[in-house]
Amino acid sequence: AKGRASAKKEGHNLKPPVSKEQAKKSPKSAARRKSFCARMEGMKKSRTSSKTAKDPNSSINKSLRAWDC
């Protein structure tokens, strides 16, 4: 929430995360969610330490939870 507020202040127009239920209703949202989850899972594997990958409070894990990945 803090990061979204900061980005909005800078003029960015961020779309909210898409959950599984929302993805079932719209194919466009489902494609966006699939793309995001694939990209973030790849980042988690390649760009985080083993400690960060298991930390539930890391930003990458928080975002994956918000998107139901």
Protein backbone atom coordinates (compact mmCIF):
# COMPACT_ATOMS: atom_id res chain seq x y z
CA ALA A 1 0.00 0.00 0.00
CA LYS A 2 2.85 2.33 0.87
CA GLY A 3 4.58 1.71 -2.47
CA ARG A 4 1.34 2.17 -4.40
CA ALA A 5 0.69 5.50 -2.65
CA SER A 6 4.21 6.65 -3.43
CA ALA A 7 3.87 5.69 -7.10
CA LYS A 8 0.50 7.40 -7.38
CA LYS A 9 2.02 10.59 -6.00
CA GLU A 10 4.60 10.46 -8.81
CA GLY A 11 1.80 10.20 -11.38
CA HIS A 12 1.86 6.45 -12.12
CA ASN A 13 -1.45 4.76 -12.84
CA LEU A 14 -1.13 1.30 -11.30
CA LYS A 15 -3.75 -1.38 -11.76
CA PRO A 16 -4.68 -3.45 -8.69
CA PRO A 17 -3.68 -7.13 -8.41
CA VAL A 18 -5.93 -9.77 -10.01
CA SER A 19 -7.07 -12.65 -7.79
CA LYS A 20 -8.13 -16.10 -9.01
CA GLU A 21 -11.82 -15.19 -8.69
CA GLN A 22 -11.40 -12.02 -10.75
CA ALA A 23 -9.40 -13.92 -13.37
CA LYS A 24 -12.29 -16.38 -13.85
CA LYS A 25 -14.60 -13.50 -14.80
CA SER A 26 -12.40 -11.89 -17.46
CA PRO A 27 -10.00 -13.50 -19.95
CA LYS A 28 -8.04 -10.25 -20.20
CA SER A 29 -7.50 -10.19 -16.42
CA ALA A 30 -6.62 -13.89 -16.48
CA ALA A 31 -3.91 -13.28 -19.08
CA ARG A 32 -2.52 -10.37 -17.05
CA ARG A 33 -2.42 -12.51 -13.91
CA LYS A 34 -0.77 -15.45 -15.70
CA SER A 35 1.91 -13.16 -17.11
CA PHE A 36 2.58 -11.50 -13.76
CA CYS A 37 2.81 -14.79 -11.86
CA ALA A 38 5.19 -16.32 -14.41
CA ARG A 39 7.42 -13.24 -14.38
CA MET A 40 7.53 -12.95 -10.57
CA GLU A 41 8.13 -16.68 -10.00
CA GLY A 42 11.13 -16.40 -12.34
CA MET A 43 12.44 -13.39 -10.45
CA LYS A 44 11.99 -15.19 -7.16
CA LYS A 45 14.12 -18.09 -8.41
CA SER A 46 16.89 -16.04 -9.98
CA ARG A 47 17.09 -12.80 -8.00
CA THR A 48 16.50 -13.69 -4.37
CA SER A 49 18.61 -15.43 -1.79
CA SER A 50 17.30 -18.63 -0.22
CA LYS A 51 16.60 -16.66 2.98
CA THR A 52 14.52 -14.03 1.16
CA ALA A 53 12.68 -16.65 -0.89
CA LYS A 54 11.36 -18.25 2.31
CA ASP A 55 10.66 -15.00 4.19
CA PRO A 56 6.87 -14.36 4.26
CA ASN A 57 7.47 -10.61 4.74
CA SER A 58 9.68 -10.13 1.67
CA SER A 59 8.15 -7.86 -0.95
CA ILE A 60 8.24 -10.53 -3.64
CA ASN A 61 6.32 -13.03 -1.48
CA LYS A 62 3.80 -10.39 -0.46
CA SER A 63 3.09 -9.55 -4.09
CA LEU A 64 2.75 -13.22 -5.07
CA ARG A 65 0.24 -13.69 -2.23
CA ALA A 66 -1.77 -10.64 -3.32
CA TRP A 67 -2.06 -12.10 -6.82
CA ASP A 68 -2.86 -15.67 -5.57
CA CYS A 69 0.17 -17.06 -7.40
